[in-house]
Amino acid sequence: MNSMTDPEFNNLSSLSNYFATRRSGRPRNLVEPGPSDDQIRGFVETAMRTPDHGKLAPWRVVMVASDQRDILAEGLKAAYIKENPNAGRTEIEAMENMAKEAPALLVVLSSPIESSKIPLWEQELSCGAFCMNILHAIHLEGFLGGWITGWPAFNNDVRDMFGNAPEKIAGFVFVGSSEAPLKERPRPNLDNIFSHWDGAKID
């Protein structure tokens, strides 16, 4: 199987080449073949090797099976209409389309341990790293992944379909193979984000 459409992206010839060419896919462009359930479990198991101060594992993953996509679509539409009673047809269709994109879908939840002394911010950072490691695991197995948020990630009714407060949806990770050529996205200029400390001291 070769889900990559351009050898310049996600080059698996070496670890350094992969990181230099890593590129996500757009969920709407992801098609079969998708991963098996065992492969998906492997993605998550690999991602567990994420920096995690306090060994809290402040993240969870919920897999939405292919035969559950219609149920998910109805849930997203109901939640959207509840919050936006005057929503137009195009907006509602967008919710349904999102629910049915790509062969595989993982919902990643930030699941903080509130009783811990580890700051919430550190736990949330760990969850973000966990999501990124899931993407790496997906790409290293020859599939393509896309991690998105959008309106559903910030709606409590949608969150309640998968978890409970204080959990939050960190993102929807779609997995499949690309049917469209990957294109580079704008990247920041290194000099705009990297600098040397000037040695400033606290007065």
N, C-alpha and C. Protein backbone atom coordinates (compact mmCIF):
# COMPACT_ATOMS: atom_id res chain seq x y z
N MET A 1 0.84 -1.19 0.00
CA MET A 1 0.00 0.00 0.00
C MET A 1 0.87 1.24 0.00
N ASN A 2 0.49 2.21 -0.80
CA ASN A 2 1.22 3.48 -0.82
C ASN A 2 0.21 4.61 -0.88
N SER A 3 -0.08 5.19 0.29
CA SER A 3 -1.09 6.24 0.36
C SER A 3 -0.49 7.61 0.11
N MET A 4 0.83 7.71 0.00
CA MET A 4 1.47 9.00 -0.24
C MET A 4 1.41 9.32 -1.72
N THR A 5 1.10 10.54 -2.04
CA THR A 5 0.93 10.93 -3.42
C THR A 5 2.10 11.73 -3.95
N ASP A 6 3.06 12.05 -3.13
CA ASP A 6 4.21 12.84 -3.55
C ASP A 6 5.39 12.42 -2.70
N PRO A 7 6.45 11.89 -3.31
CA PRO A 7 7.58 11.41 -2.51
C PRO A 7 8.27 12.50 -1.71
N GLU A 8 7.96 13.75 -1.99
CA GLU A 8 8.57 14.83 -1.23
C GLU A 8 7.93 14.97 0.15
N PHE A 9 6.75 14.40 0.33
CA PHE A 9 6.07 14.50 1.61
C PHE A 9 6.11 13.17 2.35
N ASN A 10 6.23 13.25 3.69
CA ASN A 10 6.25 12.06 4.54
C ASN A 10 7.25 11.03 4.01
N ASN A 11 8.44 11.50 3.73
CA ASN A 11 9.51 10.65 3.22
C ASN A 11 9.98 9.72 4.34
N LEU A 12 9.74 8.44 4.18
CA LEU A 12 10.04 7.47 5.23
C LEU A 12 11.41 6.83 5.09
N SER A 13 12.27 7.39 4.25
CA SER A 13 13.60 6.80 4.06
C SER A 13 14.47 6.91 5.29
N SER A 14 14.20 7.90 6.14
CA SER A 14 14.92 8.04 7.41
C SER A 14 14.07 8.90 8.33
N LEU A 15 14.36 8.84 9.61
CA LEU A 15 13.58 9.61 10.56
C LEU A 15 13.74 11.11 10.31
N SER A 16 14.97 11.54 10.01
CA SER A 16 15.20 12.96 9.77
C SER A 16 14.48 13.42 8.51
N ASN A 17 14.45 12.59 7.46
CA ASN A 17 13.73 12.95 6.25
C ASN A 17 12.24 13.02 6.49
N TYR A 18 11.74 12.11 7.33
CA TYR A 18 10.31 12.16 7.63
C TYR A 18 9.94 13.46 8.31
N PHE A 19 10.67 13.84 9.36
CA PHE A 19 10.33 15.06 10.08
C PHE A 19 10.48 16.30 9.21
N ALA A 20 11.40 16.25 8.27
CA ALA A 20 11.62 17.40 7.38
C ALA A 20 10.54 17.51 6.31
N THR A 21 9.78 16.42 6.10
CA THR A 21 8.78 16.43 5.02
C THR A 21 7.38 16.09 5.52
N ARG A 22 7.19 16.03 6.84
CA ARG A 22 5.89 15.61 7.37
C ARG A 22 4.78 16.54 6.90
N ARG A 23 3.69 15.94 6.46
CA ARG A 23 2.55 16.71 5.97
C ARG A 23 1.27 15.97 6.29
N SER A 24 0.32 16.67 6.90
CA SER A 24 -1.00 16.08 7.17
C SER A 24 -1.83 16.07 5.90
N GLY A 25 -2.90 15.32 5.93
CA GLY A 25 -3.84 15.29 4.83
C GLY A 25 -5.15 15.96 5.21
N ARG A 26 -5.88 16.43 4.22
CA ARG A 26 -7.20 17.00 4.48
C ARG A 26 -8.20 15.85 4.66
N PRO A 27 -8.94 15.84 5.76
CA PRO A 27 -9.88 14.74 5.99
C PRO A 27 -10.81 14.46 4.81
N ARG A 28 -11.27 15.50 4.13
CA ARG A 28 -12.21 15.28 3.03
C ARG A 28 -11.55 14.59 1.83
N ASN A 29 -10.21 14.56 1.81
CA ASN A 29 -9.49 13.91 0.71
C ASN A 29 -8.98 12.52 1.07
N LEU A 30 -9.34 12.03 2.25
CA LEU A 30 -8.85 10.73 2.69
C LEU A 30 -9.85 9.64 2.34
N VAL A 31 -9.35 8.61 1.68
CA VAL A 31 -10.21 7.54 1.18
C VAL A 31 -9.62 6.18 1.57
N GLU A 32 -10.30 5.13 1.18
CA GLU A 32 -9.77 3.77 1.38
C GLU A 32 -8.52 3.59 0.53
N PRO A 33 -7.59 2.73 0.97
CA PRO A 33 -7.69 1.88 2.16
C PRO A 33 -7.40 2.65 3.44
N GLY A 34 -8.08 2.23 4.49
CA GLY A 34 -7.84 2.77 5.81
C GLY A 34 -7.22 1.71 6.69
N PRO A 35 -6.87 2.06 7.91
CA PRO A 35 -6.22 1.11 8.82
C PRO A 35 -7.21 0.12 9.43
N SER A 36 -6.69 -1.01 9.84
CA SER A 36 -7.50 -1.98 10.57
C SER A 36 -7.63 -1.54 12.02
N ASP A 37 -8.53 -2.18 12.75
CA ASP A 37 -8.69 -1.86 14.17
C ASP A 37 -7.39 -2.11 14.92
N ASP A 38 -6.69 -3.18 14.58
CA ASP A 38 -5.42 -3.48 15.26
C ASP A 38 -4.38 -2.41 14.97
N GLN A 39 -4.36 -1.92 13.74
CA GLN A 39 -3.42 -0.85 13.40
C GLN A 39 -3.75 0.43 14.17
N ILE A 40 -5.03 0.72 14.31
CA ILE A 40 -5.44 1.90 15.06
C ILE A 40 -5.00 1.79 16.51
N ARG A 41 -5.19 0.62 17.09
CA ARG A 41 -4.72 0.42 18.46
C ARG A 41 -3.20 0.62 18.54
N GLY A 42 -2.51 0.20 17.50
CA GLY A 42 -1.07 0.41 17.47
C GLY A 42 -0.69 1.88 17.42
N PHE A 43 -1.46 2.69 16.66
CA PHE A 43 -1.20 4.13 16.62
C PHE A 43 -1.27 4.73 18.02
N VAL A 44 -2.32 4.34 18.73
CA VAL A 44 -2.54 4.90 20.07
C VAL A 44 -1.48 4.41 21.04
N GLU A 45 -1.12 3.14 20.93
CA GLU A 45 -0.09 2.60 21.81
C GLU A 45 1.24 3.32 21.60
N THR A 46 1.58 3.58 20.34
CA THR A 46 2.81 4.32 20.05
C THR A 46 2.75 5.72 20.64
N ALA A 47 1.59 6.37 20.49
CA ALA A 47 1.44 7.75 20.97
C ALA A 47 1.55 7.87 22.48
N MET A 48 1.35 6.77 23.19
CA MET A 48 1.44 6.83 24.65
C MET A 48 2.84 7.16 25.14
N ARG A 49 3.83 7.08 24.25
CA ARG A 49 5.19 7.44 24.64
C ARG A 49 5.38 8.95 24.49
N THR A 50 4.43 9.68 25.04
CA THR A 50 4.39 11.14 24.97
C THR A 50 4.87 11.72 26.30
N PRO A 51 5.61 12.84 26.29
CA PRO A 51 5.97 13.49 27.55
C PRO A 51 4.73 13.70 28.42
N ASP A 52 4.82 13.30 29.67
CA ASP A 52 3.64 13.29 30.54
C ASP A 52 4.09 13.50 31.98
N HIS A 53 4.25 14.76 32.38
CA HIS A 53 4.71 15.09 33.72
C HIS A 53 3.74 14.54 34.76
N GLY A 54 4.25 13.72 35.65
CA GLY A 54 3.41 13.12 36.68
C GLY A 54 2.85 11.77 36.30
N LYS A 55 3.11 11.33 35.07
CA LYS A 55 2.61 10.02 34.60
C LYS A 55 1.11 9.91 34.80
N LEU A 56 0.40 10.95 34.34
CA LEU A 56 -1.05 11.03 34.56
C LEU A 56 -1.86 10.46 33.40
N ALA A 57 -1.27 10.39 32.22
CA ALA A 57 -2.01 10.02 31.00
C ALA A 57 -3.30 10.86 30.90
N PRO A 58 -3.16 12.19 30.80
CA PRO A 58 -4.34 13.07 30.80
C PRO A 58 -4.97 13.19 29.42
N TRP A 59 -5.19 12.06 28.77
CA TRP A 59 -5.76 12.02 27.43
C TRP A 59 -6.46 10.68 27.23
N ARG A 60 -7.45 10.71 26.36
CA ARG A 60 -8.18 9.49 26.01
C ARG A 60 -8.48 9.52 24.52
N VAL A 61 -8.71 8.35 23.95
CA VAL A 61 -9.07 8.24 22.54
C VAL A 61 -10.33 7.40 22.40
N VAL A 62 -11.27 7.89 21.62
CA VAL A 62 -12.50 7.15 21.32
C VAL A 62 -12.55 6.93 19.82
N MET A 63 -12.60 5.67 19.40
CA MET A 63 -12.70 5.35 17.99
C MET A 63 -14.16 5.31 17.57
N VAL A 64 -14.49 5.99 16.48
CA VAL A 64 -15.83 5.95 15.92
C VAL A 64 -15.81 4.96 14.77
N ALA A 65 -16.52 3.86 14.90
CA ALA A 65 -16.52 2.82 13.87
C ALA A 65 -17.23 3.30 12.60
N SER A 66 -16.92 2.65 11.51
CA SER A 66 -17.51 3.06 10.23
C SER A 66 -19.02 2.95 10.24
N ASP A 67 -19.57 1.96 10.96
CA ASP A 67 -21.03 1.81 10.98
C ASP A 67 -21.69 2.72 12.02
N GLN A 68 -20.90 3.60 12.65
CA GLN A 68 -21.44 4.57 13.61
C GLN A 68 -21.44 5.99 13.05
N ARG A 69 -21.00 6.17 11.81
CA ARG A 69 -20.88 7.51 11.26
C ARG A 69 -22.23 8.21 11.10
N ASP A 70 -23.27 7.45 10.74
CA ASP A 70 -24.59 8.07 10.62
C ASP A 70 -25.08 8.58 11.96
N ILE A 71 -24.82 7.80 13.02
CA ILE A 71 -25.21 8.22 14.36
C ILE A 71 -24.46 9.49 14.75
N LEU A 72 -23.16 9.52 14.44
CA LEU A 72 -22.36 10.70 14.73
C LEU A 72 -22.89 11.91 13.97
N ALA A 73 -23.22 11.72 12.71
CA ALA A 73 -23.75 12.81 11.90
C ALA A 73 -25.02 13.39 12.50
N GLU A 74 -25.90 12.53 12.94
CA GLU A 74 -27.15 13.02 13.55
C GLU A 74 -26.86 13.78 14.83
N GLY A 75 -25.90 13.31 15.61
CA GLY A 75 -25.54 13.99 16.84
C GLY A 75 -24.94 15.36 16.58
N LEU A 76 -24.06 15.46 15.60
CA LEU A 76 -23.45 16.75 15.27
C LEU A 76 -24.50 17.73 14.76
N LYS A 77 -25.39 17.24 13.93
CA LYS A 77 -26.43 18.13 13.38
C LYS A 77 -27.36 18.62 14.49
N ALA A 78 -27.75 17.71 15.39
CA ALA A 78 -28.65 18.11 16.48
C ALA A 78 -28.00 19.14 17.39
N ALA A 79 -26.73 18.94 17.71
CA ALA A 79 -26.02 19.88 18.57
C ALA A 79 -25.87 21.23 17.88
N TYR A 80 -25.60 21.21 16.59
CA TYR A 80 -25.42 22.47 15.85
C TYR A 80 -26.72 23.25 15.77
N ILE A 81 -27.81 22.55 15.49
CA ILE A 81 -29.11 23.23 15.39
C ILE A 81 -29.55 23.77 16.75
N LYS A 82 -29.23 23.04 17.81
CA LYS A 82 -29.56 23.50 19.16
C LYS A 82 -28.89 24.83 19.45
N GLU A 83 -27.62 24.96 19.05
CA GLU A 83 -26.87 26.19 19.29
C GLU A 83 -27.16 27.25 18.22
N ASN A 84 -27.55 26.80 17.04
CA ASN A 84 -27.79 27.71 15.92
C ASN A 84 -29.15 27.39 15.29
N PRO A 85 -30.24 27.76 15.96
CA PRO A 85 -31.58 27.36 15.50
C PRO A 85 -31.93 27.87 14.11
N ASN A 86 -31.26 28.89 13.66
CA ASN A 86 -31.55 29.43 12.32
C ASN A 86 -30.52 28.97 11.28
N ALA A 87 -29.84 27.89 11.58
CA ALA A 87 -28.79 27.40 10.68
C ALA A 87 -29.36 27.06 9.31
N GLY A 88 -28.58 27.38 8.28
CA GLY A 88 -28.98 27.07 6.92
C GLY A 88 -28.60 25.66 6.52
N ARG A 89 -29.11 25.23 5.38
CA ARG A 89 -28.87 23.87 4.91
C ARG A 89 -27.40 23.57 4.73
N THR A 90 -26.65 24.54 4.19
CA THR A 90 -25.22 24.32 3.94
C THR A 90 -24.46 24.07 5.24
N GLU A 91 -24.80 24.81 6.29
CA GLU A 91 -24.14 24.62 7.58
C GLU A 91 -24.42 23.23 8.14
N ILE A 92 -25.67 22.82 8.03
CA ILE A 92 -26.07 21.51 8.57
C ILE A 92 -25.40 20.39 7.77
N GLU A 93 -25.34 20.56 6.46
CA GLU A 93 -24.69 19.55 5.63
C GLU A 93 -23.20 19.44 5.95
N ALA A 94 -22.59 20.56 6.34
CA ALA A 94 -21.18 20.54 6.70
C ALA A 94 -20.94 19.63 7.91
N MET A 95 -21.87 19.63 8.85
CA MET A 95 -21.74 18.76 10.01
C MET A 95 -21.83 17.29 9.59
N GLU A 96 -22.76 16.99 8.71
CA GLU A 96 -22.92 15.61 8.25
C GLU A 96 -21.70 15.17 7.46
N ASN A 97 -21.20 16.04 6.61
CA ASN A 97 -20.03 15.69 5.80
C ASN A 97 -18.82 15.41 6.69
N MET A 98 -18.63 16.26 7.71
CA MET A 98 -17.49 16.06 8.60
C MET A 98 -17.56 14.69 9.27
N ALA A 99 -18.74 14.31 9.69
CA ALA A 99 -18.90 13.04 10.41
C ALA A 99 -18.57 11.83 9.55
N LYS A 100 -18.62 12.00 8.24
CA LYS A 100 -18.46 10.85 7.35
C LYS A 100 -17.17 10.87 6.55
N GLU A 101 -16.26 11.79 6.89
CA GLU A 101 -15.01 11.88 6.15
C GLU A 101 -14.03 10.79 6.57
N ALA A 102 -13.24 10.32 5.62
CA ALA A 102 -12.12 9.40 5.84
C ALA A 102 -12.59 8.02 6.31
N PRO A 103 -11.81 6.99 6.05
CA PRO A 103 -12.18 5.65 6.47
C PRO A 103 -12.19 5.44 7.98
N ALA A 104 -11.31 6.14 8.71
CA ALA A 104 -11.22 5.94 10.16
C ALA A 104 -11.23 7.28 10.88
N LEU A 105 -11.81 7.27 12.07
CA LEU A 105 -11.92 8.50 12.86
C LEU A 105 -11.65 8.21 14.33
N LEU A 106 -10.74 9.01 14.89
CA LEU A 106 -10.44 8.95 16.32
C LEU A 106 -10.77 10.30 16.93
N VAL A 107 -11.46 10.28 18.06
CA VAL A 107 -11.75 11.49 18.80
C VAL A 107 -10.83 11.50 20.02
N VAL A 108 -9.97 12.52 20.08
CA VAL A 108 -9.01 12.60 21.18
C VAL A 108 -9.53 13.60 22.21
N LEU A 109 -9.56 13.16 23.46
CA LEU A 109 -10.06 13.98 24.55
C LEU A 109 -8.93 14.37 25.50
N SER A 110 -8.86 15.65 25.81
CA SER A 110 -8.03 16.10 26.92
C SER A 110 -8.77 15.71 28.18
N SER A 111 -8.14 14.88 28.99
CA SER A 111 -8.81 14.31 30.16
C SER A 111 -7.98 14.59 31.41
N PRO A 112 -8.01 15.83 31.88
CA PRO A 112 -7.12 16.24 32.97
C PRO A 112 -7.46 15.57 34.30
N ILE A 113 -6.44 15.39 35.11
CA ILE A 113 -6.60 14.86 36.47
C ILE A 113 -6.60 16.07 37.40
N GLU A 114 -7.77 16.54 37.78
CA GLU A 114 -7.89 17.79 38.53
C GLU A 114 -7.29 17.71 39.92
N SER A 115 -7.23 16.51 40.48
CA SER A 115 -6.69 16.36 41.83
C SER A 115 -5.16 16.38 41.86
N SER A 116 -4.55 16.36 40.69
CA SER A 116 -3.09 16.32 40.62
C SER A 116 -2.49 17.70 40.88
N LYS A 117 -1.24 17.70 41.35
CA LYS A 117 -0.51 18.94 41.54
C LYS A 117 0.08 19.45 40.22
N ILE A 118 0.04 18.60 39.20
CA ILE A 118 0.56 19.00 37.89
C ILE A 118 -0.38 20.05 37.30
N PRO A 119 0.13 21.23 36.91
CA PRO A 119 -0.73 22.28 36.38
C PRO A 119 -1.56 21.81 35.18
N LEU A 120 -2.77 22.31 35.09
CA LEU A 120 -3.66 21.95 33.99
C LEU A 120 -3.00 22.23 32.65
N TRP A 121 -2.30 23.36 32.55
CA TRP A 121 -1.64 23.73 31.30
C TRP A 121 -0.66 22.65 30.86
N GLU A 122 0.09 22.07 31.80
CA GLU A 122 1.03 21.01 31.44
C GLU A 122 0.29 19.77 30.94
N GLN A 123 -0.82 19.47 31.56
CA GLN A 123 -1.61 18.32 31.13
C GLN A 123 -2.17 18.54 29.72
N GLU A 124 -2.59 19.76 29.44
CA GLU A 124 -3.11 20.06 28.10
C GLU A 124 -2.01 20.03 27.06
N LEU A 125 -0.83 20.52 27.42
CA LEU A 125 0.31 20.42 26.50
C LEU A 125 0.62 18.96 26.18
N SER A 126 0.55 18.11 27.18
CA SER A 126 0.80 16.69 26.96
C SER A 126 -0.22 16.11 25.99
N CYS A 127 -1.47 16.54 26.11
CA CYS A 127 -2.51 16.04 25.21
C CYS A 127 -2.23 16.47 23.77
N GLY A 128 -1.78 17.71 23.59
CA GLY A 128 -1.43 18.15 22.25
C GLY A 128 -0.30 17.32 21.66
N ALA A 129 0.70 17.02 22.49
CA ALA A 129 1.81 16.18 22.04
C ALA A 129 1.32 14.77 21.71
N PHE A 130 0.36 14.29 22.48
CA PHE A 130 -0.23 12.97 22.24
C PHE A 130 -0.90 12.93 20.87
N CYS A 131 -1.65 13.98 20.54
CA CYS A 131 -2.29 14.06 19.22
C CYS A 131 -1.24 14.04 18.12
N MET A 132 -0.18 14.81 18.31
CA MET A 132 0.86 14.87 17.29
C MET A 132 1.52 13.51 17.11
N ASN A 133 1.72 12.79 18.20
CA ASN A 133 2.34 11.48 18.10
C ASN A 133 1.43 10.47 17.42
N ILE A 134 0.13 10.62 17.58
CA ILE A 134 -0.80 9.76 16.83
C ILE A 134 -0.61 9.99 15.33
N LEU A 135 -0.50 11.27 14.94
CA LEU A 135 -0.26 11.56 13.52
C LEU A 135 1.04 10.93 13.04
N HIS A 136 2.09 11.06 13.83
CA HIS A 136 3.36 10.45 13.43
C HIS A 136 3.20 8.93 13.24
N ALA A 137 2.53 8.29 14.18
CA ALA A 137 2.34 6.84 14.09
C ALA A 137 1.55 6.47 12.84
N ILE A 138 0.54 7.26 12.52
CA ILE A 138 -0.26 7.03 11.31
C ILE A 138 0.61 7.12 10.06
N HIS A 139 1.40 8.18 9.97
CA HIS A 139 2.22 8.40 8.78
C HIS A 139 3.31 7.35 8.64
N LEU A 140 3.87 6.93 9.76
CA LEU A 140 4.96 5.96 9.70
C LEU A 140 4.48 4.57 9.28
N GLU A 141 3.16 4.35 9.33
CA GLU A 141 2.60 3.09 8.85
C GLU A 141 2.11 3.21 7.40
N GLY A 142 2.39 4.36 6.77
CA GLY A 142 2.05 4.51 5.36
C GLY A 142 0.69 5.07 5.08
N PHE A 143 -0.05 5.44 6.13
CA PHE A 143 -1.35 6.08 5.95
C PHE A 143 -1.18 7.59 6.03
N LEU A 144 -2.27 8.29 5.88
CA LEU A 144 -2.25 9.74 5.99
C LEU A 144 -3.27 10.14 7.04
N GLY A 145 -2.90 11.11 7.88
CA GLY A 145 -3.80 11.55 8.93
C GLY A 145 -4.05 13.04 8.87
N GLY A 146 -5.19 13.45 9.39
CA GLY A 146 -5.51 14.87 9.51
C GLY A 146 -6.12 15.13 10.87
N TRP A 147 -5.55 16.06 11.62
CA TRP A 147 -6.02 16.42 12.96
C TRP A 147 -6.69 17.78 12.87
N ILE A 148 -8.00 17.83 13.16
CA ILE A 148 -8.74 19.07 13.07
C ILE A 148 -9.57 19.28 14.33
N THR A 149 -10.04 20.50 14.48
CA THR A 149 -10.97 20.81 15.57
C THR A 149 -12.29 21.28 14.97
N GLY A 150 -12.45 22.60 14.76
CA GLY A 150 -13.70 23.12 14.22
C GLY A 150 -14.76 23.25 15.30
N TRP A 151 -15.93 23.71 14.89
CA TRP A 151 -17.01 23.97 15.83
C TRP A 151 -17.30 22.79 16.77
N PRO A 152 -17.39 21.55 16.27
CA PRO A 152 -17.76 20.45 17.17
C PRO A 152 -16.83 20.26 18.36
N ALA A 153 -15.56 20.63 18.21
CA ALA A 153 -14.60 20.41 19.30
C ALA A 153 -14.87 21.31 20.49
N PHE A 154 -15.65 22.36 20.30
CA PHE A 154 -15.86 23.34 21.37
C PHE A 154 -17.30 23.36 21.87
N ASN A 155 -18.07 22.39 21.46
CA ASN A 155 -19.47 22.31 21.88
C ASN A 155 -19.61 21.24 22.96
N ASN A 156 -20.22 21.58 24.07
CA ASN A 156 -20.33 20.64 25.19
C ASN A 156 -21.23 19.46 24.88
N ASP A 157 -22.28 19.67 24.07
CA ASP A 157 -23.15 18.54 23.72
C ASP A 157 -22.40 17.51 22.89
N VAL A 158 -21.55 17.98 22.00
CA VAL A 158 -20.73 17.06 21.22
C VAL A 158 -19.73 16.37 22.13
N ARG A 159 -19.11 17.16 23.02
CA ARG A 159 -18.17 16.55 23.98
C ARG A 159 -18.84 15.45 24.78
N ASP A 160 -20.10 15.68 25.18
CA ASP A 160 -20.80 14.71 26.01
C ASP A 160 -21.12 13.41 25.26
N MET A 161 -20.99 13.43 23.93
CA MET A 161 -21.16 12.19 23.16
C MET A 161 -19.99 11.24 23.39
N PHE A 162 -18.87 11.80 23.87
CA PHE A 162 -17.64 11.01 24.00
C PHE A 162 -17.07 11.00 25.41
N GLY A 163 -17.42 11.99 26.23
CA GLY A 163 -16.85 12.09 27.56
C GLY A 163 -17.66 13.02 28.44
N ASN A 164 -17.03 13.49 29.49
CA ASN A 164 -17.71 14.33 30.48
C ASN A 164 -16.78 15.45 30.92
N ALA A 165 -17.38 16.54 31.40
CA ALA A 165 -16.59 17.63 31.97
C ALA A 165 -15.75 17.08 33.13
N PRO A 166 -14.51 17.54 33.30
CA PRO A 166 -13.86 18.68 32.64
C PRO A 166 -13.14 18.31 31.34
N GLU A 167 -13.45 17.16 30.77
CA GLU A 167 -12.79 16.79 29.52
C GLU A 167 -13.16 17.75 28.41
N LYS A 168 -12.25 17.85 27.44
CA LYS A 168 -12.48 18.66 26.25
C LYS A 168 -12.04 17.85 25.03
N ILE A 169 -12.66 18.11 23.90
CA ILE A 169 -12.22 17.47 22.67
C ILE A 169 -10.98 18.18 22.18
N ALA A 170 -9.86 17.46 22.15
CA ALA A 170 -8.61 18.04 21.65
C ALA A 170 -8.56 18.01 20.14
N GLY A 171 -9.33 17.15 19.54
CA GLY A 171 -9.37 17.12 18.09
C GLY A 171 -9.95 15.83 17.55
N PHE A 172 -10.26 15.90 16.28
CA PHE A 172 -10.74 14.74 15.52
C PHE A 172 -9.60 14.34 14.58
N VAL A 173 -9.14 13.10 14.70
CA VAL A 173 -8.04 12.62 13.87
C VAL A 173 -8.62 11.65 12.83
N PHE A 174 -8.58 12.07 11.58
CA PHE A 174 -9.09 11.27 10.48
C PHE A 174 -7.92 10.52 9.84
N VAL A 175 -8.19 9.28 9.40
CA VAL A 175 -7.12 8.44 8.87
C VAL A 175 -7.57 7.75 7.59
N GLY A 176 -6.69 7.73 6.62
CA GLY A 176 -6.98 7.02 5.38
C GLY A 176 -5.82 7.13 4.43
N SER A 177 -6.12 7.11 3.15
CA SER A 177 -5.14 7.29 2.08
C SER A 177 -5.59 8.47 1.24
N SER A 178 -4.64 9.18 0.68
CA SER A 178 -4.99 10.41 -0.02
C SER A 178 -5.43 10.14 -1.45
N GLU A 179 -6.53 10.79 -1.85
CA GLU A 179 -6.97 10.69 -3.25
C GLU A 179 -6.55 11.93 -4.04
N ALA A 180 -5.93 12.89 -3.39
CA ALA A 180 -5.51 14.13 -4.05
C ALA A 180 -4.04 14.38 -3.73
N PRO A 181 -3.29 14.93 -4.67
CA PRO A 181 -1.88 15.23 -4.41
C PRO A 181 -1.73 16.18 -3.22
N LEU A 182 -0.78 15.89 -2.37
CA LEU A 182 -0.51 16.77 -1.25
C LEU A 182 0.20 18.02 -1.74
N LYS A 183 -0.14 19.14 -1.15
CA LYS A 183 0.50 20.40 -1.50
C LYS A 183 1.08 21.03 -0.25
N GLU A 184 2.20 21.70 -0.41
CA GLU A 184 2.83 22.35 0.73
C GLU A 184 1.98 23.51 1.21
N ARG A 185 2.02 23.75 2.49
CA ARG A 185 1.34 24.90 3.07
C ARG A 185 2.40 25.93 3.48
N PRO A 186 2.03 27.19 3.62
CA PRO A 186 3.02 28.20 4.04
C PRO A 186 3.60 27.84 5.40
N ARG A 187 4.89 27.99 5.53
CA ARG A 187 5.60 27.75 6.78
C ARG A 187 6.22 29.06 7.24
N PRO A 188 6.34 29.26 8.54
CA PRO A 188 6.93 30.51 9.03
C PRO A 188 8.40 30.61 8.68
N ASN A 189 8.87 31.83 8.61
CA ASN A 189 10.31 32.07 8.43
C ASN A 189 11.01 31.75 9.74
N LEU A 190 12.03 30.94 9.69
CA LEU A 190 12.72 30.50 10.90
C LEU A 190 13.18 31.68 11.75
N ASP A 191 13.68 32.74 11.11
CA ASP A 191 14.18 33.89 11.86
C ASP A 191 13.07 34.64 12.59
N ASN A 192 11.83 34.41 12.20
CA ASN A 192 10.71 35.06 12.88
C ASN A 192 10.30 34.35 14.16
N ILE A 193 10.72 33.09 14.30
CA ILE A 193 10.30 32.33 15.48
C ILE A 193 11.47 31.85 16.34
N PHE A 194 12.69 32.02 15.84
CA PHE A 194 13.87 31.54 16.58
C PHE A 194 14.79 32.71 16.88
N SER A 195 15.25 32.77 18.14
CA SER A 195 16.16 33.85 18.52
C SER A 195 17.08 33.35 19.62
N HIS A 196 18.11 34.14 19.93
CA HIS A 196 19.02 33.85 21.02
C HIS A 196 18.64 34.75 22.20
N TRP A 197 18.66 34.17 23.39
CA TRP A 197 18.32 34.94 24.59
C TRP A 197 19.30 36.08 24.77
N ASP A 198 18.77 37.24 25.17
CA ASP A 198 19.65 38.41 25.34
C ASP A 198 20.18 38.55 26.75
N GLY A 199 19.89 37.57 27.60
CA GLY A 199 20.43 37.59 28.95
C GLY A 199 19.71 38.53 29.89
N ALA A 200 18.49 38.95 29.53
CA ALA A 200 17.73 39.88 30.38
C ALA A 200 17.53 39.29 31.77
N LYS A 201 17.66 40.15 32.79
CA LYS A 201 17.51 39.71 34.18
C LYS A 201 16.26 40.35 34.80
N ILE A 202 15.76 39.70 35.84
CA ILE A 202 14.63 40.24 36.58
C ILE A 202 15.10 41.39 37.45
N ASP A 203 14.46 42.53 37.35
CA ASP A 203 14.84 43.69 38.17
C ASP A 203 14.44 43.50 39.62
